[in-house]
Amino acid sequence: MTMRTVTAGAAGLIRRPIQQKSLFFLGKEKYEMEMSTETTMRATVCKVHRCCLCVCDHCTQQEVIVHYDNACCFHVGQRVCIHYDGMMTRSIPPQINATCIECL
């Protein structure tokens, strides 16, 4: 679940399709809870670091930084399927937090 202010939005995040929304109030602030669906990305590994990968997304041909604890298990040129929570930063390159990475 992610939390964001309804009026201001969440700076720095790209939102993906959501399954469910619920509103709640904390003091005078109005918040919206979102339960996002898990998203997958097919990509090719460009660089490998200890806790992250730099990959090229097959759909957008864009580089993406993938944070993943076992990133060192992969190698350059490997094709992977990345499962993540659907949130991606607006940084250049964008960044995601992987929940699971599988070899294709």
PDB file of N, CA and C in Angstrom:
ATOM      1  N   MET A   1       0.835  -1.168   0.000  1.00  0.00           N
ATOM      2  CA  MET A   1       0.000   0.000   0.000  1.00  0.00           C
ATOM      3  C   MET A   1       0.886   1.239   0.000  1.00  0.00           C
ATOM      4  N   THR A   2       0.455   2.274  -0.679  1.00  0.00           N
ATOM      5  CA  THR A   2       1.166   3.533  -0.675  1.00  0.00           C
ATOM      6  C   THR A   2       0.226   4.612  -0.190  1.00  0.00           C
ATOM      7  N   MET A   3       0.776   5.685   0.350  1.00  0.00           N
ATOM      8  CA  MET A   3      -0.040   6.765   0.855  1.00  0.00           C
ATOM      9  C   MET A   3       0.377   8.050   0.169  1.00  0.00           C
ATOM     10  N   ARG A   4      -0.585   8.849  -0.254  1.00  0.00           N
ATOM     11  CA  ARG A   4      -0.263  10.134  -0.844  1.00  0.00           C
ATOM     12  C   ARG A   4      -1.345  11.133  -0.501  1.00  0.00           C
ATOM     13  N   THR A   5      -1.009  12.416  -0.512  1.00  0.00           N
ATOM     14  CA  THR A   5      -1.981  13.464  -0.276  1.00  0.00           C
ATOM     15  C   THR A   5      -2.820  13.628  -1.522  1.00  0.00           C
ATOM     16  N   VAL A   6      -4.120  13.727  -1.369  1.00  0.00           N
ATOM     17  CA  VAL A   6      -5.013  13.820  -2.517  1.00  0.00           C
ATOM     18  C   VAL A   6      -4.786  15.112  -3.278  1.00  0.00           C
ATOM     19  N   THR A   7      -4.575  16.224  -2.571  1.00  0.00           N
ATOM     20  CA  THR A   7      -4.443  17.509  -3.242  1.00  0.00           C
ATOM     21  C   THR A   7      -3.065  17.706  -3.867  1.00  0.00           C
ATOM     22  N   ALA A   8      -2.018  17.296  -3.187  1.00  0.00           N
ATOM     23  CA  ALA A   8      -0.666  17.567  -3.665  1.00  0.00           C
ATOM     24  C   ALA A   8      -0.112  16.465  -4.549  1.00  0.00           C
ATOM     25  N   GLY A   9      -0.526  15.224  -4.357  1.00  0.00           N
ATOM     26  CA  GLY A   9       0.048  14.116  -5.104  1.00  0.00           C
ATOM     27  C   GLY A   9       1.391  13.729  -4.516  1.00  0.00           C
ATOM     28  N   ALA A  10       1.978  12.701  -5.018  1.00  0.00           N
ATOM     29  CA  ALA A  10       3.267  12.219  -4.511  1.00  0.00           C
ATOM     30  C   ALA A  10       4.348  12.629  -5.497  1.00  0.00           C
ATOM     31  N   ALA A  11       5.159  13.583  -5.113  1.00  0.00           N
ATOM     32  CA  ALA A  11       6.211  14.067  -6.000  1.00  0.00           C
ATOM     33  C   ALA A  11       7.235  12.979  -6.248  1.00  0.00           C
ATOM     34  N   GLY A  12       7.656  12.839  -7.487  1.00  0.00           N
ATOM     35  CA  GLY A  12       8.716  11.913  -7.819  1.00  0.00           C
ATOM     36  C   GLY A  12       8.277  10.491  -8.118  1.00  0.00           C
ATOM     37  N   LEU A  13       6.991  10.203  -8.120  1.00  0.00           N
ATOM     38  CA  LEU A  13       6.544   8.849  -8.392  1.00  0.00           C
ATOM     39  C   LEU A  13       5.589   8.825  -9.572  1.00  0.00           C
ATOM     40  N   ILE A  14       5.719   7.813 -10.380  1.00  0.00           N
ATOM     41  CA  ILE A  14       4.770   7.576 -11.460  1.00  0.00           C
ATOM     42  C   ILE A  14       3.817   6.512 -10.967  1.00  0.00           C
ATOM     43  N   ARG A  15       2.536   6.784 -10.982  1.00  0.00           N
ATOM     44  CA  ARG A  15       1.541   5.831 -10.476  1.00  0.00           C
ATOM     45  C   ARG A  15       1.120   4.883 -11.583  1.00  0.00           C
ATOM     46  N   ARG A  16       0.941   3.649 -11.251  1.00  0.00           N
ATOM     47  CA  ARG A  16       0.455   2.619 -12.155  1.00  0.00           C
ATOM     48  C   ARG A  16      -1.012   2.346 -11.841  1.00  0.00           C
ATOM     49  N   PRO A  17      -1.690   1.528 -12.643  1.00  0.00           N
ATOM     50  CA  PRO A  17      -3.098   1.215 -12.376  1.00  0.00           C
ATOM     51  C   PRO A  17      -3.284   0.676 -10.964  1.00  0.00           C
ATOM     52  N   ILE A  18      -4.362   1.088 -10.329  1.00  0.00           N
ATOM     53  CA  ILE A  18      -4.608   0.662  -8.955  1.00  0.00           C
ATOM     54  C   ILE A  18      -5.849  -0.204  -8.890  1.00  0.00           C
ATOM     55  N   GLN A  19      -5.882  -1.071  -7.894  1.00  0.00           N
ATOM     56  CA  GLN A  19      -7.025  -1.954  -7.705  1.00  0.00           C
ATOM     57  C   GLN A  19      -8.074  -1.320  -6.803  1.00  0.00           C
ATOM     58  N   GLN A  20      -7.641  -0.650  -5.759  1.00  0.00           N
ATOM     59  CA  GLN A  20      -8.564  -0.207  -4.741  1.00  0.00           C
ATOM     60  C   GLN A  20      -8.083   1.104  -4.147  1.00  0.00           C
ATOM     61  N   LYS A  21      -9.030   1.999  -3.801  1.00  0.00           N
ATOM     62  CA  LYS A  21      -8.706   3.257  -3.138  1.00  0.00           C
ATOM     63  C   LYS A  21      -9.582   3.385  -1.897  1.00  0.00           C
ATOM     64  N   SER A  22      -9.037   3.973  -0.861  1.00  0.00           N
ATOM     65  CA  SER A  22      -9.850   4.304   0.299  1.00  0.00           C
ATOM     66  C   SER A  22      -9.354   5.626   0.854  1.00  0.00           C
ATOM     67  N   LEU A  23     -10.270   6.461   1.328  1.00  0.00           N
ATOM     68  CA  LEU A  23      -9.928   7.773   1.863  1.00  0.00           C
ATOM     69  C   LEU A  23      -9.953   7.730   3.381  1.00  0.00           C
ATOM     70  N   PHE A  24      -9.059   8.523   4.002  1.00  0.00           N
ATOM     71  CA  PHE A  24      -9.093   8.675   5.445  1.00  0.00           C
ATOM     72  C   PHE A  24      -8.534  10.038   5.794  1.00  0.00           C
ATOM     73  N   PHE A  25      -8.809  10.501   6.999  1.00  0.00           N
ATOM     74  CA  PHE A  25      -8.366  11.809   7.442  1.00  0.00           C
ATOM     75  C   PHE A  25      -7.397  11.641   8.603  1.00  0.00           C
ATOM     76  N   LEU A  26      -6.354  12.465   8.602  1.00  0.00           N
ATOM     77  CA  LEU A  26      -5.382  12.500   9.689  1.00  0.00           C
ATOM     78  C   LEU A  26      -5.282  13.965  10.074  1.00  0.00           C
ATOM     79  N   GLY A  27      -5.943  14.352  11.148  1.00  0.00           N
ATOM     80  CA  GLY A  27      -6.065  15.775  11.479  1.00  0.00           C
ATOM     81  C   GLY A  27      -6.936  16.432  10.424  1.00  0.00           C
ATOM     82  N   LYS A  28      -6.442  17.506   9.810  1.00  0.00           N
ATOM     83  CA  LYS A  28      -7.191  18.193   8.755  1.00  0.00           C
ATOM     84  C   LYS A  28      -6.771  17.734   7.367  1.00  0.00           C
ATOM     85  N   GLU A  29      -5.744  16.887   7.281  1.00  0.00           N
ATOM     86  CA  GLU A  29      -5.238  16.396   5.992  1.00  0.00           C
ATOM     87  C   GLU A  29      -6.087  15.234   5.495  1.00  0.00           C
ATOM     88  N   LYS A  30      -6.365  15.234   4.216  1.00  0.00           N
ATOM     89  CA  LYS A  30      -7.121  14.147   3.596  1.00  0.00           C
ATOM     90  C   LYS A  30      -6.137  13.286   2.811  1.00  0.00           C
ATOM     91  N   TYR A  31      -6.131  11.983   3.050  1.00  0.00           N
ATOM     92  CA  TYR A  31      -5.213  11.070   2.394  1.00  0.00           C
ATOM     93  C   TYR A  31      -5.980   9.991   1.636  1.00  0.00           C
ATOM     94  N   GLU A  32      -5.300   9.421   0.680  1.00  0.00           N
ATOM     95  CA  GLU A  32      -5.879   8.340  -0.102  1.00  0.00           C
ATOM     96  C   GLU A  32      -4.919   7.162  -0.061  1.00  0.00           C
ATOM     97  N   MET A  33      -5.418   5.998   0.311  1.00  0.00           N
ATOM     98  CA  MET A  33      -4.598   4.796   0.324  1.00  0.00           C
ATOM     99  C   MET A  33      -4.790   4.075  -0.997  1.00  0.00           C
ATOM    100  N   GLU A  34      -3.716   3.627  -1.581  1.00  0.00           N
ATOM    101  CA  GLU A  34      -3.801   2.909  -2.843  1.00  0.00           C
ATOM    102  C   GLU A  34      -3.162   1.543  -2.693  1.00  0.00           C
ATOM    103  N   MET A  35      -3.828   0.527  -3.205  1.00  0.00           N
ATOM    104  CA  MET A  35      -3.250  -0.801  -3.268  1.00  0.00           C
ATOM    105  C   MET A  35      -2.948  -1.049  -4.730  1.00  0.00           C
ATOM    106  N   SER A  36      -1.695  -1.019  -5.096  1.00  0.00           N
ATOM    107  CA  SER A  36      -1.354  -1.159  -6.508  1.00  0.00           C
ATOM    108  C   SER A  36      -1.115  -2.623  -6.869  1.00  0.00           C
ATOM    109  N   THR A  37      -1.377  -2.927  -8.118  1.00  0.00           N
ATOM    110  CA  THR A  37      -1.122  -4.269  -8.598  1.00  0.00           C
ATOM    111  C   THR A  37       0.366  -4.427  -8.855  1.00  0.00           C
ATOM    112  N   GLU A  38       0.856  -5.653  -8.731  1.00  0.00           N
ATOM    113  CA  GLU A  38       2.268  -5.884  -9.028  1.00  0.00           C
ATOM    114  C   GLU A  38       2.485  -5.741 -10.524  1.00  0.00           C
ATOM    115  N   THR A  39       3.581  -5.141 -10.880  1.00  0.00           N
ATOM    116  CA  THR A  39       3.902  -4.869 -12.273  1.00  0.00           C
ATOM    117  C   THR A  39       5.134  -5.663 -12.673  1.00  0.00           C
ATOM    118  N   THR A  40       5.217  -6.053 -13.924  1.00  0.00           N
ATOM    119  CA  THR A  40       6.407  -6.749 -14.414  1.00  0.00           C
ATOM    120  C   THR A  40       7.042  -5.965 -15.541  1.00  0.00           C
ATOM    121  N   MET A  41       8.334  -6.141 -15.687  1.00  0.00           N
ATOM    122  CA  MET A  41       9.115  -5.504 -16.741  1.00  0.00           C
ATOM    123  C   MET A  41      10.060  -6.547 -17.311  1.00  0.00           C
ATOM    124  N   ARG A  42      10.108  -6.652 -18.618  1.00  0.00           N
ATOM    125  CA  ARG A  42      11.095  -7.514 -19.270  1.00  0.00           C
ATOM    126  C   ARG A  42      12.227  -6.609 -19.729  1.00  0.00           C
ATOM    127  N   ALA A  43      13.447  -7.027 -19.427  1.00  0.00           N
ATOM    128  CA  ALA A  43      14.588  -6.153 -19.685  1.00  0.00           C
ATOM    129  C   ALA A  43      15.861  -6.960 -19.900  1.00  0.00           C
ATOM    130  N   THR A  44      16.891  -6.266 -20.390  1.00  0.00           N
ATOM    131  CA  THR A  44      18.229  -6.840 -20.545  1.00  0.00           C
ATOM    132  C   THR A  44      19.163  -6.130 -19.581  1.00  0.00           C
ATOM    133  N   VAL A  45      19.973  -6.882 -18.859  1.00  0.00           N
ATOM    134  CA  VAL A  45      20.899  -6.315 -17.878  1.00  0.00           C
ATOM    135  C   VAL A  45      22.046  -5.598 -18.597  1.00  0.00           C
ATOM    136  N   CYS A  46      22.264  -4.319 -18.238  1.00  0.00           N
ATOM    137  CA  CYS A  46      23.347  -3.511 -18.818  1.00  0.00           C
ATOM    138  C   CYS A  46      24.558  -3.422 -17.884  1.00  0.00           C
ATOM    139  N   LYS A  47      24.297  -3.261 -16.575  1.00  0.00           N
ATOM    140  CA  LYS A  47      25.360  -3.151 -15.572  1.00  0.00           C
ATOM    141  C   LYS A  47      24.911  -3.873 -14.314  1.00  0.00           C
ATOM    142  N   VAL A  48      25.874  -4.437 -13.595  1.00  0.00           N
ATOM    143  CA  VAL A  48      25.576  -5.153 -12.354  1.00  0.00           C
ATOM    144  C   VAL A  48      26.371  -4.519 -11.222  1.00  0.00           C
ATOM    145  N   HIS A  49      25.683  -4.193 -10.143  1.00  0.00           N
ATOM    146  CA  HIS A  49      26.316  -3.702  -8.918  1.00  0.00           C
ATOM    147  C   HIS A  49      25.872  -4.614  -7.784  1.00  0.00           C
ATOM    148  N   ARG A  50      26.401  -4.408  -6.592  1.00  0.00           N
ATOM    149  CA  ARG A  50      26.114  -5.312  -5.482  1.00  0.00           C
ATOM    150  C   ARG A  50      24.624  -5.380  -5.137  1.00  0.00           C
ATOM    151  N   CYS A  51      23.957  -4.251  -5.065  1.00  0.00           N
ATOM    152  CA  CYS A  51      22.542  -4.237  -4.661  1.00  0.00           C
ATOM    153  C   CYS A  51      21.615  -3.616  -5.700  1.00  0.00           C
ATOM    154  N   CYS A  52      22.095  -3.429  -6.917  1.00  0.00           N
ATOM    155  CA  CYS A  52      21.218  -2.891  -7.957  1.00  0.00           C
ATOM    156  C   CYS A  52      21.716  -3.279  -9.345  1.00  0.00           C
ATOM    157  N   LEU A  53      20.788  -3.235 -10.284  1.00  0.00           N
ATOM    158  CA  LEU A  53      21.094  -3.508 -11.687  1.00  0.00           C
ATOM    159  C   LEU A  53      20.717  -2.287 -12.510  1.00  0.00           C
ATOM    160  N   CYS A  54      21.409  -2.083 -13.595  1.00  0.00           N
ATOM    161  CA  CYS A  54      20.983  -1.126 -14.602  1.00  0.00           C
ATOM    162  C   CYS A  54      20.501  -1.984 -15.767  1.00  0.00           C
ATOM    163  N   VAL A  55      19.236  -1.818 -16.145  1.00  0.00           N
ATOM    164  CA  VAL A  55      18.658  -2.640 -17.202  1.00  0.00           C
ATOM    165  C   VAL A  55      18.085  -1.756 -18.300  1.00  0.00           C
ATOM    166  N   CYS A  56      17.882  -2.354 -19.477  1.00  0.00           N
ATOM    167  CA  CYS A  56      17.216  -1.680 -20.583  1.00  0.00           C
ATOM    168  C   CYS A  56      15.848  -2.325 -20.744  1.00  0.00           C
ATOM    169  N   ASP A  57      14.796  -1.551 -20.488  1.00  0.00           N
ATOM    170  CA  ASP A  57      13.414  -2.024 -20.590  1.00  0.00           C
ATOM    171  C   ASP A  57      13.102  -2.363 -22.045  1.00  0.00           C
ATOM    172  N   HIS A  58      12.602  -3.561 -22.311  1.00  0.00           N
ATOM    173  CA  HIS A  58      12.303  -3.981 -23.681  1.00  0.00           C
ATOM    174  C   HIS A  58      11.180  -3.173 -24.311  1.00  0.00           C
ATOM    175  N   CYS A  59      10.205  -2.706 -23.520  1.00  0.00           N
ATOM    176  CA  CYS A  59       9.073  -1.945 -24.076  1.00  0.00           C
ATOM    177  C   CYS A  59       9.448  -0.523 -24.451  1.00  0.00           C
ATOM    178  N   THR A  60      10.189   0.163 -23.576  1.00  0.00           N
ATOM    179  CA  THR A  60      10.478   1.587 -23.785  1.00  0.00           C
ATOM    180  C   THR A  60      11.892   1.860 -24.285  1.00  0.00           C
ATOM    181  N   GLN A  61      12.749   0.838 -24.280  1.00  0.00           N
ATOM    182  CA  GLN A  61      14.164   0.996 -24.640  1.00  0.00           C
ATOM    183  C   GLN A  61      14.850   2.026 -23.741  1.00  0.00           C
ATOM    184  N   GLN A  62      14.361   2.170 -22.512  1.00  0.00           N
ATOM    185  CA  GLN A  62      14.884   3.127 -21.545  1.00  0.00           C
ATOM    186  C   GLN A  62      15.663   2.398 -20.459  1.00  0.00           C
ATOM    187  N   GLU A  63      16.769   3.002 -20.009  1.00  0.00           N
ATOM    188  CA  GLU A  63      17.519   2.435 -18.894  1.00  0.00           C
ATOM    189  C   GLU A  63      16.756   2.660 -17.602  1.00  0.00           C
ATOM    190  N   VAL A  64      16.782   1.662 -16.726  1.00  0.00           N
ATOM    191  CA  VAL A  64      16.114   1.721 -15.428  1.00  0.00           C
ATOM    192  C   VAL A  64      17.052   1.126 -14.386  1.00  0.00           C
ATOM    193  N   ILE A  65      17.156   1.782 -13.235  1.00  0.00           N
ATOM    194  CA  ILE A  65      17.921   1.248 -12.112  1.00  0.00           C
ATOM    195  C   ILE A  65      16.969   0.386 -11.280  1.00  0.00           C
ATOM    196  N   VAL A  66      17.370  -0.852 -11.035  1.00  0.00           N
ATOM    197  CA  VAL A  66      16.545  -1.804 -10.285  1.00  0.00           C
ATOM    198  C   VAL A  66      17.249  -2.126  -8.977  1.00  0.00           C
ATOM    199  N   HIS A  67      16.645  -1.760  -7.868  1.00  0.00           N
ATOM    200  CA  HIS A  67      17.193  -2.087  -6.554  1.00  0.00           C
ATOM    201  C   HIS A  67      16.720  -3.478  -6.167  1.00  0.00           C
ATOM    202  N   TYR A  68      17.687  -4.352  -5.865  1.00  0.00           N
ATOM    203  CA  TYR A  68      17.379  -5.747  -5.535  1.00  0.00           C
ATOM    204  C   TYR A  68      18.536  -6.312  -4.728  1.00  0.00           C
ATOM    205  N   ASP A  69      18.242  -6.940  -3.608  1.00  0.00           N
ATOM    206  CA  ASP A  69      19.293  -7.435  -2.705  1.00  0.00           C
ATOM    207  C   ASP A  69      20.243  -8.435  -3.363  1.00  0.00           C
ATOM    208  N   ASN A  70      19.752  -9.293  -4.245  1.00  0.00           N
ATOM    209  CA  ASN A  70      20.582 -10.316  -4.880  1.00  0.00           C
ATOM    210  C   ASN A  70      20.978  -9.940  -6.302  1.00  0.00           C
ATOM    211  N   ALA A  71      21.185  -8.668  -6.546  1.00  0.00           N
ATOM    212  CA  ALA A  71      21.513  -8.191  -7.895  1.00  0.00           C
ATOM    213  C   ALA A  71      22.809  -8.794  -8.422  1.00  0.00           C
ATOM    214  N   CYS A  72      23.750  -9.102  -7.544  1.00  0.00           N
ATOM    215  CA  CYS A  72      25.052  -9.624  -7.973  1.00  0.00           C
ATOM    216  C   CYS A  72      24.955 -11.024  -8.589  1.00  0.00           C
ATOM    217  N   CYS A  73      23.787 -11.655  -8.500  1.00  0.00           N
ATOM    218  CA  CYS A  73      23.587 -13.003  -9.084  1.00  0.00           C
ATOM    219  C   CYS A  73      23.385 -12.956 -10.597  1.00  0.00           C
ATOM    220  N   PHE A  74      23.211 -11.777 -11.162  1.00  0.00           N
ATOM    221  CA  PHE A  74      22.936 -11.639 -12.592  1.00  0.00           C
ATOM    222  C   PHE A  74      24.170 -11.149 -13.327  1.00  0.00           C
ATOM    223  N   HIS A  75      24.165 -11.245 -14.661  1.00  0.00           N
ATOM    224  CA  HIS A  75      25.323 -10.789 -15.436  1.00  0.00           C
ATOM    225  C   HIS A  75      24.873  -9.967 -16.649  1.00  0.00           C
ATOM    226  N   VAL A  76      25.778  -9.165 -17.161  1.00  0.00           N
ATOM    227  CA  VAL A  76      25.505  -8.277 -18.299  1.00  0.00           C
ATOM    228  C   VAL A  76      25.057  -9.106 -19.502  1.00  0.00           C
ATOM    229  N   GLY A  77      24.009  -8.628 -20.180  1.00  0.00           N
ATOM    230  CA  GLY A  77      23.479  -9.296 -21.351  1.00  0.00           C
ATOM    231  C   GLY A  77      22.362 -10.274 -21.055  1.00  0.00           C
ATOM    232  N   GLN A  78      22.151 -10.584 -19.795  1.00  0.00           N
ATOM    233  CA  GLN A  78      21.114 -11.525 -19.412  1.00  0.00           C
ATOM    234  C   GLN A  78      19.735 -10.871 -19.551  1.00  0.00           C
ATOM    235  N   ARG A  79      18.765 -11.634 -20.079  1.00  0.00           N
ATOM    236  CA  ARG A  79      17.387 -11.153 -20.210  1.00  0.00           C
ATOM    237  C   ARG A  79      16.622 -11.588 -18.969  1.00  0.00           C
ATOM    238  N   VAL A  80      15.894 -10.642 -18.350  1.00  0.00           N
ATOM    239  CA  VAL A  80      15.220 -10.909 -17.086  1.00  0.00           C
ATOM    240  C   VAL A  80      13.785 -10.402 -17.106  1.00  0.00           C
ATOM    241  N   CYS A  81      12.978 -10.961 -16.217  1.00  0.00           N
ATOM    242  CA  CYS A  81      11.621 -10.487 -15.951  1.00  0.00           C
ATOM    243  C   CYS A  81      11.635  -9.962 -14.521  1.00  0.00           C
ATOM    244  N   ILE A  82      11.338  -8.685 -14.358  1.00  0.00           N
ATOM    245  CA  ILE A  82      11.424  -8.020 -13.060  1.00  0.00           C
ATOM    246  C   ILE A  82      10.018  -7.776 -12.532  1.00  0.00           C
ATOM    247  N   HIS A  83       9.744  -8.245 -11.323  1.00  0.00           N
ATOM    248  CA  HIS A  83       8.468  -7.987 -10.651  1.00  0.00           C
ATOM    249  C   HIS A  83       8.723  -6.863  -9.644  1.00  0.00           C
ATOM    250  N   TYR A  84       7.880  -5.828  -9.693  1.00  0.00           N
ATOM    251  CA  TYR A  84       8.031  -4.718  -8.750  1.00  0.00           C
ATOM    252  C   TYR A  84       6.665  -4.176  -8.379  1.00  0.00           C
ATOM    253  N   ASP A  85       6.631  -3.254  -7.421  1.00  0.00           N
ATOM    254  CA  ASP A  85       5.367  -2.787  -6.840  1.00  0.00           C
ATOM    255  C   ASP A  85       4.602  -1.788  -7.699  1.00  0.00           C
ATOM    256  N   GLY A  86       5.075  -1.466  -8.874  1.00  0.00           N
ATOM    257  CA  GLY A  86       4.362  -0.552  -9.752  1.00  0.00           C
ATOM    258  C   GLY A  86       4.785   0.894  -9.621  1.00  0.00           C
ATOM    259  N   MET A  87       5.649   1.205  -8.659  1.00  0.00           N
ATOM    260  CA  MET A  87       6.111   2.587  -8.493  1.00  0.00           C
ATOM    261  C   MET A  87       7.478   2.751  -9.132  1.00  0.00           C
ATOM    262  N   MET A  88       7.668   3.877  -9.805  1.00  0.00           N
ATOM    263  CA  MET A  88       8.916   4.191 -10.480  1.00  0.00           C
ATOM    264  C   MET A  88       9.212   5.673 -10.250  1.00  0.00           C
ATOM    265  N   THR A  89      10.446   5.996  -9.870  1.00  0.00           N
ATOM    266  CA  THR A  89      10.785   7.398  -9.655  1.00  0.00           C
ATOM    267  C   THR A  89      10.836   8.139 -10.978  1.00  0.00           C
ATOM    268  N   ARG A  90      10.780   9.451 -10.927  1.00  0.00           N
ATOM    269  CA  ARG A  90      10.879  10.275 -12.129  1.00  0.00           C
ATOM    270  C   ARG A  90      12.318  10.722 -12.368  1.00  0.00           C
ATOM    271  N   SER A  91      13.250  10.135 -11.666  1.00  0.00           N
ATOM    272  CA  SER A  91      14.655  10.492 -11.841  1.00  0.00           C
ATOM    273  C   SER A  91      15.144   9.987 -13.198  1.00  0.00           C
ATOM    274  N   ILE A  92      16.317  10.427 -13.596  1.00  0.00           N
ATOM    275  CA  ILE A  92      16.922   9.956 -14.846  1.00  0.00           C
ATOM    276  C   ILE A  92      18.235   9.277 -14.490  1.00  0.00           C
ATOM    277  N   PRO A  93      18.367   7.979 -14.688  1.00  0.00           N
ATOM    278  CA  PRO A  93      17.327   7.043 -15.123  1.00  0.00           C
ATOM    279  C   PRO A  93      16.342   6.774 -13.999  1.00  0.00           C
ATOM    280  N   PRO A  94      15.119   6.338 -14.351  1.00  0.00           N
ATOM    281  CA  PRO A  94      14.135   6.007 -13.318  1.00  0.00           C
ATOM    282  C   PRO A  94      14.604   4.825 -12.478  1.00  0.00           C
ATOM    283  N   GLN A  95      14.045   4.703 -11.276  1.00  0.00           N
ATOM    284  CA  GLN A  95      14.434   3.633 -10.354  1.00  0.00           C
ATOM    285  C   GLN A  95      13.200   2.894  -9.862  1.00  0.00           C
ATOM    286  N   ILE A  96      13.364   1.589  -9.650  1.00  0.00           N
ATOM    287  CA  ILE A  96      12.300   0.749  -9.104  1.00  0.00           C
ATOM    288  C   ILE A  96      12.884  -0.161  -8.027  1.00  0.00           C
ATOM    289  N   ASN A  97      12.036  -0.694  -7.180  1.00  0.00           N
ATOM    290  CA  ASN A  97      12.423  -1.683  -6.167  1.00  0.00           C
ATOM    291  C   ASN A  97      11.817  -3.017  -6.555  1.00  0.00           C
ATOM    292  N   ALA A  98      12.657  -3.963  -6.910  1.00  0.00           N
ATOM    293  CA  ALA A  98      12.181  -5.277  -7.360  1.00  0.00           C
ATOM    294  C   ALA A  98      11.802  -6.151  -6.180  1.00  0.00           C
ATOM    295  N   THR A  99      10.719  -6.913  -6.346  1.00  0.00           N
ATOM    296  CA  THR A  99      10.335  -7.898  -5.345  1.00  0.00           C
ATOM    297  C   THR A  99      10.863  -9.274  -5.754  1.00  0.00           C
ATOM    298  N   CYS A 100      11.045  -9.469  -7.067  1.00  0.00           N
ATOM    299  CA  CYS A 100      11.541 -10.740  -7.591  1.00  0.00           C
ATOM    300  C   CYS A 100      12.098 -10.501  -8.999  1.00  0.00           C
ATOM    301  N   ILE A 101      13.207 -11.164  -9.337  1.00  0.00           N
ATOM    302  CA  ILE A 101      13.757 -11.098 -10.685  1.00  0.00           C
ATOM    303  C   ILE A 101      13.986 -12.524 -11.174  1.00  0.00           C
ATOM    304  N   GLU A 102      13.445 -12.829 -12.352  1.00  0.00           N
ATOM    305  CA  GLU A 102      13.570 -14.167 -12.930  1.00  0.00           C
ATOM    306  C   GLU A 102      14.296 -14.082 -14.268  1.00  0.00           C
ATOM    307  N   CYS A 103      15.080 -15.093 -14.580  1.00  0.00           N
ATOM    308  CA  CYS A 103      15.747 -15.169 -15.880  1.00  0.00           C
ATOM    309  C   CYS A 103      14.736 -15.570 -16.945  1.00  0.00           C
ATOM    310  N   LEU A 104      14.876 -15.018 -18.142  1.00  0.00           N
ATOM    311  CA  LEU A 104      13.994 -15.387 -19.265  1.00  0.00           C
ATOM    312  C   LEU A 104      14.650 -16.467 -20.090  1.00  0.00           C
TER     313      LEU A 104
END
